[in-house]
Structure formats: C-alpha cells, structure tokens
Protein backbone atom coordinates (compact mmCIF):
# COMPACT_ATOMS: atom_id res chain seq x y z
CA UNK A 1 -26.70 -25.32 21.83
CA UNK A 2 -24.16 -27.49 23.77
CA UNK A 3 -21.14 -25.81 25.17
CA UNK A 4 -18.84 -27.00 22.44
CA UNK A 5 -20.87 -26.26 19.45
CA UNK A 6 -20.41 -23.62 16.70
CA UNK A 7 -23.04 -23.00 13.92
CA UNK A 8 -23.40 -21.03 10.85
CA UNK A 9 -27.13 -21.46 10.46
CA UNK A 10 -27.83 -19.62 7.24
CA UNK A 11 -24.97 -21.75 5.61
CA UNK A 12 -26.55 -24.96 7.14
CA UNK A 13 -23.25 -25.48 9.02
CA UNK A 14 -23.58 -27.03 12.43
CA UNK A 15 -20.35 -28.17 14.14
CA UNK A 16 -20.98 -30.20 17.28
CA UNK A 17 -18.46 -30.44 20.30
CA UNK A 18 -15.68 -28.67 18.61
CA UNK A 19 -12.81 -29.12 20.97
CA UNK A 20 -10.41 -26.31 22.15
CA UNK A 21 -7.48 -28.82 22.64
CA UNK A 22 -6.33 -32.31 22.33
CA UNK A 23 -4.08 -34.60 24.37
CA UNK A 24 -1.02 -36.49 23.35
CA UNK A 25 0.56 -38.78 26.19
CA UNK A 26 -1.17 -36.70 28.71
CA UNK A 27 0.00 -33.42 27.47
CA UNK A 28 -2.87 -30.91 26.56
CA UNK A 29 -2.17 -28.92 23.24
CA UNK A 30 -4.43 -26.11 22.54
CA UNK A 31 -5.61 -25.83 18.88
CA UNK A 32 -4.98 -21.98 19.20
CA UNK A 33 -1.40 -22.51 19.67
CA UNK A 34 -1.16 -25.25 17.18
CA UNK A 35 -2.90 -23.19 14.37
CA UNK A 36 -0.57 -20.08 15.20
CA UNK A 37 2.38 -22.38 14.85
CA UNK A 38 1.26 -23.66 11.44
CA UNK A 39 0.62 -20.19 10.28
CA UNK A 40 4.08 -19.17 11.43
CA UNK A 41 5.64 -22.14 9.72
CA UNK A 42 3.60 -21.47 6.38
CA UNK A 43 4.77 -17.85 6.38
CA UNK A 44 8.50 -18.61 6.86
CA UNK A 45 8.16 -21.34 4.17
CA UNK A 46 6.79 -18.81 1.68
CA UNK A 47 9.32 -16.07 2.44
CA UNK A 48 12.13 -18.59 2.06
CA UNK A 49 10.49 -19.75 -1.29
CA UNK A 50 10.21 -16.19 -2.64
CA UNK A 51 13.75 -15.55 -1.42
CA UNK A 52 15.16 -18.52 -3.61
CA UNK A 53 13.04 -17.46 -6.61
CA UNK A 54 14.53 -14.03 -6.40
CA UNK A 55 18.22 -15.31 -6.17
CA UNK A 56 18.50 -14.59 -2.39
CA UNK A 57 19.58 -17.16 0.14
CA UNK A 58 16.61 -18.69 1.94
CA UNK A 59 18.77 -19.73 4.78
CA UNK A 60 18.88 -16.17 5.78
CA UNK A 61 15.15 -16.05 6.10
CA UNK A 62 14.95 -19.10 8.22
CA UNK A 63 17.77 -17.78 10.41
CA UNK A 64 15.89 -14.43 10.80
CA UNK A 65 12.68 -16.18 11.60
CA UNK A 66 14.02 -17.63 14.88
CA UNK A 67 14.48 -14.20 16.27
CA UNK A 68 11.30 -12.76 14.59
CA UNK A 69 9.14 -15.39 16.04
CA UNK A 70 10.34 -14.92 19.66
CA UNK A 71 10.16 -11.10 19.63
CA UNK A 72 6.92 -11.15 17.69
CA UNK A 73 5.09 -13.32 20.41
CA UNK A 74 6.74 -11.06 23.06
CA UNK A 75 5.45 -8.05 21.31
CA UNK A 76 2.00 -9.41 20.60
CA UNK A 77 1.65 -10.16 24.36
CA UNK A 78 3.01 -6.87 25.67
CA UNK A 79 0.76 -4.89 23.35
CA UNK A 80 -2.38 -6.81 24.41
CA UNK A 81 -1.48 -6.60 28.05
CA UNK A 82 -0.81 -2.78 28.04
CA UNK A 83 -4.18 -2.10 26.49
CA UNK A 84 -6.13 -4.78 28.44
CA UNK A 85 -4.33 -3.81 31.72
CA UNK A 86 -7.68 -3.72 33.66
CA UNK A 87 -7.93 -7.47 33.05
CA UNK A 88 -4.44 -8.25 34.28
CA UNK A 89 -3.73 -5.72 37.16
CA UNK A 90 -5.20 -8.09 39.77
CA UNK A 91 -3.86 -11.26 38.06
CA UNK A 92 -0.11 -10.63 37.23
CA UNK A 93 0.54 -14.37 36.54
CA UNK A 94 -2.39 -14.23 34.05
CA UNK A 95 -0.08 -12.23 31.98
CA UNK A 96 1.95 -15.23 31.17
CA UNK A 97 -0.99 -17.62 30.36
CA UNK A 98 -1.60 -17.19 26.51
CA UNK A 99 -3.41 -20.52 26.11
CA UNK A 100 -6.70 -18.66 26.16
CA UNK A 101 -5.68 -16.05 23.59
CA UNK A 102 -4.57 -12.54 24.32
CA UNK A 103 -2.04 -11.92 21.54
CA UNK A 104 -2.39 -8.67 19.64
CA UNK A 105 -1.30 -8.96 15.85
CA UNK A 106 -0.18 -5.26 15.73
CA UNK A 107 2.23 -6.10 18.81
CA UNK A 108 3.44 -9.07 16.74
CA UNK A 109 4.05 -7.03 13.71
CA UNK A 110 5.81 -4.18 15.55
CA UNK A 111 8.14 -6.88 17.04
CA UNK A 112 8.79 -8.44 13.67
CA UNK A 113 9.72 -5.25 12.01
CA UNK A 114 11.85 -4.15 14.86
CA UNK A 115 13.66 -7.35 14.75
CA UNK A 116 14.05 -7.11 11.15
CA UNK A 117 15.86 -3.65 11.13
CA UNK A 118 18.12 -4.88 14.07
CA UNK A 119 19.02 -8.21 12.30
CA UNK A 120 19.74 -6.56 8.86
CA UNK A 121 21.97 -4.10 10.63
CA UNK A 122 23.87 -6.86 12.32
CA UNK A 123 23.94 -9.08 9.48
CA UNK A 124 24.40 -6.33 6.71
CA UNK A 125 21.27 -7.28 4.81
CA UNK A 126 18.92 -4.92 3.12
CA UNK A 127 16.02 -4.64 5.39
CA UNK A 128 13.65 -3.17 2.49
CA UNK A 129 14.35 -6.08 0.18
CA UNK A 130 13.89 -8.52 3.12
CA UNK A 131 10.77 -7.02 4.11
CA UNK A 132 9.40 -7.03 0.60
CA UNK A 133 10.23 -10.79 0.33
CA UNK A 134 8.83 -11.63 3.90
CA UNK A 135 5.50 -9.72 3.87
CA UNK A 136 3.50 -12.10 1.71
CA UNK A 137 4.38 -14.89 4.07
CA UNK A 138 3.55 -12.64 7.06
CA UNK A 139 0.05 -11.98 5.91
CA UNK A 140 -0.36 -15.67 4.95
CA UNK A 141 0.51 -16.53 8.56
CA UNK A 142 -1.91 -13.95 9.84
CA UNK A 143 -4.78 -15.41 7.60
CA UNK A 144 -4.17 -18.83 8.91
CA UNK A 145 -3.80 -17.58 12.53
CA UNK A 146 -7.16 -16.15 12.72
CA UNK A 147 -8.53 -19.60 12.70
CA UNK A 148 -6.91 -20.13 16.11
CA UNK A 149 -9.38 -17.38 17.29
CA UNK A 150 -12.17 -19.45 15.78
CA UNK A 151 -11.32 -22.43 17.84
CA UNK A 152 -11.04 -20.21 20.99
CA UNK A 153 -14.52 -18.65 20.29
CA UNK A 154 -13.06 -15.12 20.18
CA UNK A 155 -12.59 -12.25 17.81
CA UNK A 156 -16.17 -11.93 16.76
CA UNK A 157 -18.19 -8.92 16.03
CA UNK A 158 -21.40 -7.42 17.08
CA UNK A 159 -25.03 -8.94 16.64
CA UNK A 160 -25.76 -10.11 13.13
CA UNK A 161 -28.23 -12.50 11.78
CA UNK A 162 -27.43 -12.33 8.21
CA UNK A 163 -25.97 -14.82 5.63
CA UNK A 164 -22.74 -15.55 7.43
CA UNK A 165 -24.07 -15.21 10.97
CA UNK A 166 -22.18 -17.32 13.46
CA UNK A 167 -23.89 -18.84 16.44
CA UNK A 168 -21.81 -19.48 19.72
CA UNK A 169 -23.02 -20.70 23.14
CA UNK A 170 -23.01 -17.91 25.73
CA UNK A 171 -21.00 -20.01 28.12
CA UNK A 172 -18.33 -20.65 25.54
CA UNK A 173 -17.16 -16.95 25.10
CA UNK A 174 -15.75 -14.32 27.40
CA UNK A 175 -18.43 -12.50 29.25
CA UNK A 176 -16.70 -9.00 28.39
CA UNK A 177 -16.99 -9.89 24.78
CA UNK A 178 -20.69 -10.03 24.76
CA UNK A 179 -21.89 -6.39 24.06
CA UNK A 180 -25.12 -4.99 25.25
CA UNK A 181 -26.41 -5.13 21.62
CA UNK A 182 -25.55 -8.69 21.41
CA UNK A 183 -27.21 -9.57 24.77
CA UNK A 184 -30.23 -7.61 23.85
CA UNK A 185 -30.70 -9.91 20.81
CA UNK A 186 -30.38 -13.28 22.58
CA UNK A 187 -33.63 -15.17 21.82
CA UNK A 188 -35.88 -15.88 24.82
CA UNK A 189 -34.84 -18.87 26.42
CA UNK A 190 -31.64 -19.42 24.16
CA UNK A 191 -28.32 -20.00 25.49
CA UNK A 192 -26.59 -18.73 22.10
CA UNK A 193 -25.49 -15.48 20.55
CA UNK A 194 -25.52 -14.43 16.83
CA UNK A 195 -22.49 -12.49 15.75
CA UNK A 196 -20.37 -11.35 12.82
CA UNK A 197 -17.48 -13.99 12.29
CA UNK A 198 -14.93 -11.25 12.12
CA UNK A 199 -12.12 -13.81 12.43
CA UNK A 200 -13.36 -15.12 8.96
CA UNK A 201 -13.67 -11.56 7.50
CA UNK A 202 -9.96 -10.81 8.29
CA UNK A 203 -8.71 -14.28 7.22
CA UNK A 204 -10.25 -13.75 3.70
CA UNK A 205 -9.05 -10.26 3.56
CA UNK A 206 -5.59 -11.15 4.37
CA UNK A 207 -5.62 -13.74 1.61
CA UNK A 208 -6.80 -11.12 -0.82
CA UNK A 209 -3.92 -8.91 0.13
CA UNK A 210 -1.59 -11.64 0.00
CA UNK A 211 -2.59 -12.23 -3.51
CA UNK A 212 -2.07 -8.56 -4.44
CA UNK A 213 1.28 -8.55 -3.05
CA UNK A 214 2.47 -11.61 -5.01
CA UNK A 215 1.02 -10.09 -8.13
CA UNK A 216 2.59 -6.72 -7.51
CA UNK A 217 6.12 -8.24 -6.81
CA UNK A 218 7.36 -7.72 -10.47
CA UNK A 219 5.62 -4.24 -10.84
CA UNK A 220 7.26 -2.80 -7.81
CA UNK A 221 9.32 0.39 -8.48
CA UNK A 222 11.51 0.25 -5.36
CA UNK A 223 12.43 -1.93 -2.46
CA UNK A 224 10.07 -1.41 0.43
CA UNK A 225 7.12 -0.94 -1.75
CA UNK A 226 5.52 -4.30 -0.94
CA UNK A 227 5.97 -3.35 2.58
CA UNK A 228 4.03 -0.20 2.12
CA UNK A 229 1.35 -2.10 0.04
CA UNK A 230 1.12 -4.55 2.99
CA UNK A 231 0.71 -1.76 5.62
CA UNK A 232 -1.86 0.00 3.41
CA UNK A 233 -4.06 -3.19 2.47
CA UNK A 234 -4.00 -4.72 5.88
CA UNK A 235 -4.58 -1.50 7.53
CA UNK A 236 -7.60 -0.61 5.38
CA UNK A 237 -9.19 -4.07 6.13
CA UNK A 238 -8.36 -3.90 9.84
CA UNK A 239 -9.72 -0.41 10.18
CA UNK A 240 -13.13 -1.54 8.75
CA UNK A 241 -13.37 -4.88 10.62
CA UNK A 242 -12.17 -3.45 13.89
CA UNK A 243 -15.32 -1.41 14.00
CA UNK A 244 -17.31 -4.31 14.06
CA UNK A 245 -15.43 -6.40 16.71
CA UNK A 246 -16.44 -6.43 20.41
CA UNK A 247 -13.08 -7.23 22.01
CA UNK A 248 -11.66 -3.89 20.78
CA UNK A 249 -8.64 -2.45 22.87
CA UNK A 250 -8.94 1.17 23.74
CA UNK A 251 -6.47 3.87 24.69
CA UNK A 252 -6.22 3.93 28.61
CA UNK A 253 -9.04 6.24 30.06
CA UNK A 254 -10.79 6.57 26.65
CA UNK A 255 -13.17 4.99 24.20
CA UNK A 256 -10.87 5.52 21.37
CA UNK A 257 -10.06 2.00 19.73
CA UNK A 258 -6.20 1.67 19.61
CA UNK A 259 -6.04 -0.80 16.59
CA UNK A 260 -8.46 1.29 14.54
CA UNK A 261 -6.72 4.41 14.93
CA UNK A 262 -3.26 2.60 14.14
CA UNK A 263 -4.87 0.87 11.21
CA UNK A 264 -6.04 4.26 9.67
CA UNK A 265 -2.75 6.05 10.33
CA UNK A 266 -0.79 3.02 9.08
CA UNK A 267 -2.79 2.85 5.84
CA UNK A 268 -2.82 6.67 5.00
CA UNK A 269 0.89 6.88 5.84
CA UNK A 270 1.75 3.93 3.66
CA UNK A 271 -0.17 5.30 0.59
CA UNK A 272 1.40 8.92 1.14
CA UNK A 273 4.88 7.30 1.33
CA UNK A 274 4.49 5.25 -1.69
CA UNK A 275 3.20 8.29 -3.69
CA UNK A 276 6.12 10.48 -2.51
CA UNK A 277 8.83 7.89 -3.40
CA UNK A 278 7.23 7.18 -6.83
CA UNK A 279 7.16 10.93 -7.62
CA UNK A 280 10.81 11.33 -6.65
CA UNK A 281 11.80 8.48 -8.84
CA UNK A 282 9.81 9.80 -11.68
CA UNK A 283 11.40 13.26 -11.13
CA UNK A 284 14.97 11.72 -11.10
CA UNK A 285 14.23 9.80 -14.29
CA UNK A 286 12.82 12.94 -16.00
CA UNK A 287 15.90 14.89 -14.87
CA UNK A 288 18.28 12.08 -16.02
CA UNK A 289 16.61 12.17 -19.58
CA UNK A 290 16.90 15.98 -19.86
CA UNK A 291 20.42 15.81 -18.83
CA UNK A 292 21.40 13.07 -21.43
CA UNK A 293 19.62 15.10 -24.03
C-alpha cells in the first residue's frame, strides 16, 4: 500500500492517497479539524432546532454553544494529556498541537456539562431541560467527529481480518497504536496492518443512540431523563468498543483503562438513577391518588 491509502478489502473498497489536509491560499487545513467543526455545527443546529420545536428560545442554545465549544475543547485536551502524560512530559509544547489528534471525547463531555450547569445558573435556565434538548445534537456531533479519526488513521482496534476489516499502511499510523498482536499478524513482506475500524463502530452506535433519544423525547417522564439515556447508551457502547481499541488511556501506573471504567460506571449510574427517579414519581402519583380518594 502507498502511505496515503486506506482499504476495506472484504468490502471491495480501496481508497488511494487519502489526504490528511488541504491547502487554501497557502494555509493548511486538517480534515480532522474540519470534520470536528462540522460535527459541532451539526450538533448545535440540531439542539437549536429541537429547542424551537419544543417552544424554547433557540438563541439560548447558540449562545450557550459558544462557551460549551471552548471549554469542551479545553477539557478534551486536558483529559487526553493527563492520561497520556508519558508522551508529553518531554515535549511540553506538543500539548498545544492538536492537529494530529489527541482530544478525548470524555474530557469534552465533562467540559460541556460543567459549562451547562454554570451557564444555566448564571442565565437562570433549567439545566436538565437544556441538557435533554442538547444531547441528541451532542451525540450527532460525536458520530460525525469520529470520521476525523478516520482521516487521521487513528482510533482503530486490534487485529481483525473479517468482513469490516480495515487496512492501513504501517507508516501512516502512530507506532504506539500498533499492538504486539497487530504486529504479529502483518503478512510477510507487507507494509500494512489489518484492524477493527472502531471509529466506524462508534459512529454507527452513536447514530443509533441519537435515534433512540429522538424517539424517547415525547415519552420521557422527567427533565434530565434524556441525559441519563445518553449516558447509559453512549457508556454501554463505549465500554464495549474501548475493549477493542489499541490507543486506550490507562490510569497512571496501572493497566486499568480509564475510559472503559468511566463508561461502565456512567452507564450503570445512569440506569440506576433513572429507575430511582421513576419509582419516586410513581410513588408520588400513587400517594396523590390515594389522598384524593
């Protein structure tokens, strides 16, 4: 394979010389950043559209998005650098170079929700209602953003030569992302690896979760339930997919995967919280009916 090629051999897809960036008036623009930007705009647009349909002011969401985007990017980078510190401790300036990736979605989510609660407190908005309105757009942005990882030849899984197998040239990926298992399966004389396209798995999973959120909007029993459904749905999928990836971040000094643990805790806590709130609401409704009888 040439250095810029990407292939899905069992699907009959061979992409030649896929660029990582393009130039406009001599200024280099990375596809990674462009796709992330498209995902962000699509997510904000969806949140504003849903707000308008539900009788809320969509301008509030556009205003909130300005702050959310800034602090999400900061949170995504901080999260990644903290748990990949061994790669940056000797290259401090590299911390500020995000053109080659290195944004952790959980850091972005933490940053976004922290910004939401601060914003709502200052603007006297309902954070749970805003969260429910925003999460379908959030996960749409995540689904789109994963294709930025595709352009960067990152966020792939272990060795795999099945139906959805993806082939990448060895020289096009980071050496630290090639596990011993992947290296052991490189065909003699070949310059490519066969891996799981986990970026694709997560993108499709996110779209499925988004569809569920949209379908559940009219069935929710309380403000904040769609947020819990997002945490549960995304957490479950990420827990499974994270176990396949080779670029997993670990708790310092351990082999315990940070995002996989966080995903499991988040999913279980969200399901438990939803059950507790629903039971309390049912109990109040039952008590009210008895009192009126």
